[in-house]
Amino acid sequence: MIREPLTILGLIVMLLAIGSTVATLPSCTAALAGTIRYVTDALAPAIGVTVAGAGAVSVIVVCNGTAWIAG
């Protein structure tokens, strides 16, 4: 029973470690709601606010079904 959560946690950590730019994120749609990504070029991110690229801040973002927001 303990093995499964560790595997899931390892997968999440691995996915978050692969950063991308805001421009290369897939379109945030209802099908992707809840998806978590890591971007390396956020411009002045604020929690809960749509993320813009062309900056120099690394941040975790979450698809809320319509936009990628800083988490």
N, C-alpha and C. Protein backbone atom coordinates (compact mmCIF):
# COMPACT_ATOMS: atom_id res chain seq x y z
N MET A 1 0.82 -1.19 0.00
CA MET A 1 0.00 0.00 0.00
C MET A 1 0.87 1.26 0.00
N ILE A 2 1.94 1.30 0.75
CA ILE A 2 2.82 2.47 0.80
C ILE A 2 3.54 2.66 -0.52
N ARG A 3 3.81 1.60 -1.23
CA ARG A 3 4.58 1.68 -2.47
C ARG A 3 3.90 2.54 -3.54
N GLU A 4 2.60 2.44 -3.67
CA GLU A 4 1.89 3.20 -4.71
C GLU A 4 2.01 4.72 -4.53
N PRO A 5 1.74 5.28 -3.33
CA PRO A 5 1.90 6.73 -3.19
C PRO A 5 3.32 7.21 -3.46
N LEU A 6 4.32 6.42 -3.09
CA LEU A 6 5.70 6.81 -3.35
C LEU A 6 5.97 6.87 -4.85
N THR A 7 5.41 5.91 -5.59
CA THR A 7 5.57 5.91 -7.04
C THR A 7 4.90 7.15 -7.64
N ILE A 8 3.71 7.46 -7.18
CA ILE A 8 3.00 8.64 -7.68
C ILE A 8 3.78 9.89 -7.33
N LEU A 9 4.27 10.00 -6.11
CA LEU A 9 5.04 11.17 -5.71
C LEU A 9 6.30 11.30 -6.55
N GLY A 10 6.98 10.20 -6.82
CA GLY A 10 8.17 10.23 -7.65
C GLY A 10 7.86 10.74 -9.04
N LEU A 11 6.73 10.35 -9.60
CA LEU A 11 6.33 10.81 -10.93
C LEU A 11 6.07 12.31 -10.91
N ILE A 12 5.38 12.80 -9.89
CA ILE A 12 5.10 14.23 -9.79
C ILE A 12 6.40 15.01 -9.69
N VAL A 13 7.31 14.57 -8.85
CA VAL A 13 8.59 15.25 -8.71
C VAL A 13 9.33 15.26 -10.04
N MET A 14 9.32 14.15 -10.75
CA MET A 14 10.00 14.07 -12.03
C MET A 14 9.39 15.04 -13.04
N LEU A 15 8.07 15.13 -13.10
CA LEU A 15 7.42 16.03 -14.04
C LEU A 15 7.70 17.49 -13.71
N LEU A 16 7.72 17.82 -12.43
CA LEU A 16 7.98 19.20 -12.04
C LEU A 16 9.42 19.60 -12.31
N ALA A 17 10.32 18.65 -12.30
CA ALA A 17 11.73 18.96 -12.51
C ALA A 17 12.03 19.35 -13.95
N ILE A 18 11.14 19.03 -14.87
CA ILE A 18 11.33 19.36 -16.27
C ILE A 18 10.64 20.70 -16.53
N GLY A 19 11.39 21.78 -16.44
CA GLY A 19 10.82 23.10 -16.63
C GLY A 19 10.61 23.41 -18.10
N SER A 20 9.70 24.32 -18.37
CA SER A 20 9.45 24.76 -19.73
C SER A 20 9.17 26.26 -19.69
N THR A 21 8.99 26.85 -20.84
CA THR A 21 8.63 28.27 -20.88
C THR A 21 7.11 28.38 -20.93
N VAL A 22 6.62 29.54 -20.58
CA VAL A 22 5.17 29.77 -20.61
C VAL A 22 4.64 29.55 -22.03
N ALA A 23 5.38 29.99 -23.03
CA ALA A 23 4.94 29.87 -24.42
C ALA A 23 4.80 28.42 -24.88
N THR A 24 5.54 27.51 -24.26
CA THR A 24 5.46 26.11 -24.70
C THR A 24 4.46 25.28 -23.91
N LEU A 25 3.77 25.90 -22.94
CA LEU A 25 2.71 25.18 -22.22
C LEU A 25 1.58 24.85 -23.18
N PRO A 26 0.94 23.69 -23.01
CA PRO A 26 -0.22 23.41 -23.85
C PRO A 26 -1.36 24.34 -23.48
N SER A 27 -2.31 24.51 -24.37
CA SER A 27 -3.48 25.34 -24.07
C SER A 27 -4.18 24.78 -22.84
N CYS A 28 -4.52 25.66 -21.93
CA CYS A 28 -5.21 25.24 -20.70
C CYS A 28 -6.69 25.11 -21.01
N THR A 29 -7.18 23.89 -21.01
CA THR A 29 -8.58 23.61 -21.31
C THR A 29 -9.20 22.85 -20.13
N ALA A 30 -10.49 22.66 -20.18
CA ALA A 30 -11.18 21.92 -19.13
C ALA A 30 -10.60 20.51 -18.97
N ALA A 31 -10.15 19.94 -20.07
CA ALA A 31 -9.58 18.59 -20.02
C ALA A 31 -8.26 18.56 -19.23
N LEU A 32 -7.55 19.68 -19.17
CA LEU A 32 -6.28 19.75 -18.45
C LEU A 32 -6.41 20.36 -17.06
N ALA A 33 -7.61 20.73 -16.64
CA ALA A 33 -7.81 21.34 -15.33
C ALA A 33 -7.16 20.51 -14.24
N GLY A 34 -6.37 21.16 -13.40
CA GLY A 34 -5.67 20.48 -12.32
C GLY A 34 -4.26 20.05 -12.68
N THR A 35 -3.89 20.18 -13.95
CA THR A 35 -2.54 19.82 -14.38
C THR A 35 -1.53 20.79 -13.79
N ILE A 36 -0.42 20.25 -13.32
CA ILE A 36 0.63 21.07 -12.70
C ILE A 36 1.87 21.03 -13.60
N ARG A 37 2.47 22.18 -13.83
CA ARG A 37 3.70 22.28 -14.61
C ARG A 37 4.65 23.24 -13.90
N TYR A 38 5.86 23.32 -14.41
CA TYR A 38 6.90 24.18 -13.86
C TYR A 38 7.44 25.03 -15.00
N VAL A 39 7.39 26.35 -14.85
CA VAL A 39 7.92 27.22 -15.91
C VAL A 39 9.13 27.99 -15.38
N THR A 40 9.99 28.36 -16.30
CA THR A 40 11.25 29.01 -15.93
C THR A 40 11.35 30.46 -16.37
N ASP A 41 10.29 30.99 -16.98
CA ASP A 41 10.36 32.37 -17.50
C ASP A 41 9.15 33.22 -17.15
N ALA A 42 8.58 33.00 -15.96
CA ALA A 42 7.41 33.78 -15.57
C ALA A 42 7.80 35.24 -15.32
N LEU A 43 6.89 36.12 -15.64
CA LEU A 43 7.11 37.56 -15.46
C LEU A 43 6.26 38.04 -14.29
N ALA A 44 6.89 38.35 -13.17
CA ALA A 44 6.21 38.85 -11.96
C ALA A 44 5.00 37.99 -11.57
N PRO A 45 5.20 36.70 -11.32
CA PRO A 45 4.06 35.84 -10.98
C PRO A 45 3.47 36.16 -9.60
N ALA A 46 2.17 36.01 -9.49
CA ALA A 46 1.47 36.17 -8.22
C ALA A 46 0.51 34.99 -8.09
N ILE A 47 0.43 34.42 -6.92
CA ILE A 47 -0.40 33.23 -6.72
C ILE A 47 -1.84 33.50 -7.13
N GLY A 48 -2.37 32.59 -7.96
CA GLY A 48 -3.75 32.69 -8.42
C GLY A 48 -3.97 33.58 -9.62
N VAL A 49 -2.89 34.14 -10.15
CA VAL A 49 -2.99 35.07 -11.29
C VAL A 49 -2.41 34.40 -12.53
N THR A 50 -3.00 34.66 -13.69
CA THR A 50 -2.52 34.12 -14.95
C THR A 50 -1.05 34.47 -15.15
N VAL A 51 -0.28 33.47 -15.57
CA VAL A 51 1.16 33.64 -15.73
C VAL A 51 1.50 34.16 -17.13
N ALA A 52 2.39 35.15 -17.17
CA ALA A 52 2.92 35.68 -18.43
C ALA A 52 4.38 35.26 -18.54
N GLY A 53 4.85 35.08 -19.76
CA GLY A 53 6.23 34.69 -19.99
C GLY A 53 7.14 35.89 -20.20
N ALA A 54 8.36 35.62 -20.64
CA ALA A 54 9.38 36.62 -20.95
C ALA A 54 10.02 37.21 -19.70
N GLY A 55 9.85 36.53 -18.57
CA GLY A 55 10.50 36.98 -17.34
C GLY A 55 11.65 36.06 -16.99
N ALA A 56 12.05 36.08 -15.74
CA ALA A 56 13.19 35.26 -15.31
C ALA A 56 12.89 34.49 -14.03
N VAL A 57 11.61 34.35 -13.69
CA VAL A 57 11.22 33.69 -12.45
C VAL A 57 10.74 32.26 -12.74
N SER A 58 11.24 31.31 -11.95
CA SER A 58 10.78 29.93 -12.05
C SER A 58 9.65 29.73 -11.04
N VAL A 59 8.56 29.12 -11.50
CA VAL A 59 7.38 28.98 -10.64
C VAL A 59 6.55 27.77 -11.09
N ILE A 60 5.83 27.21 -10.15
CA ILE A 60 4.88 26.13 -10.47
C ILE A 60 3.59 26.78 -10.93
N VAL A 61 3.01 26.25 -11.99
CA VAL A 61 1.74 26.76 -12.51
C VAL A 61 0.72 25.63 -12.55
N VAL A 62 -0.54 26.01 -12.46
CA VAL A 62 -1.63 25.05 -12.46
C VAL A 62 -2.65 25.50 -13.50
N CYS A 63 -3.15 24.55 -14.27
CA CYS A 63 -4.23 24.85 -15.22
C CYS A 63 -5.55 24.86 -14.45
N ASN A 64 -6.28 25.96 -14.51
CA ASN A 64 -7.57 26.03 -13.82
C ASN A 64 -8.75 25.74 -14.74
N GLY A 65 -8.44 25.29 -15.94
CA GLY A 65 -9.49 24.98 -16.91
C GLY A 65 -9.60 26.02 -18.00
N THR A 66 -9.08 27.22 -17.74
CA THR A 66 -9.11 28.28 -18.76
C THR A 66 -7.77 29.00 -18.90
N ALA A 67 -6.94 29.01 -17.83
CA ALA A 67 -5.65 29.70 -17.88
C ALA A 67 -4.64 29.01 -16.96
N TRP A 68 -3.37 29.20 -17.25
CA TRP A 68 -2.30 28.73 -16.37
C TRP A 68 -2.09 29.79 -15.32
N ILE A 69 -2.23 29.43 -14.06
CA ILE A 69 -2.07 30.38 -12.97
C ILE A 69 -0.91 29.97 -12.07
N ALA A 70 -0.27 30.95 -11.45
CA ALA A 70 0.84 30.66 -10.53
C ALA A 70 0.27 29.97 -9.30
N GLY A 71 0.98 28.93 -8.88
CA GLY A 71 0.52 28.17 -7.72
C GLY A 71 1.52 28.26 -6.64
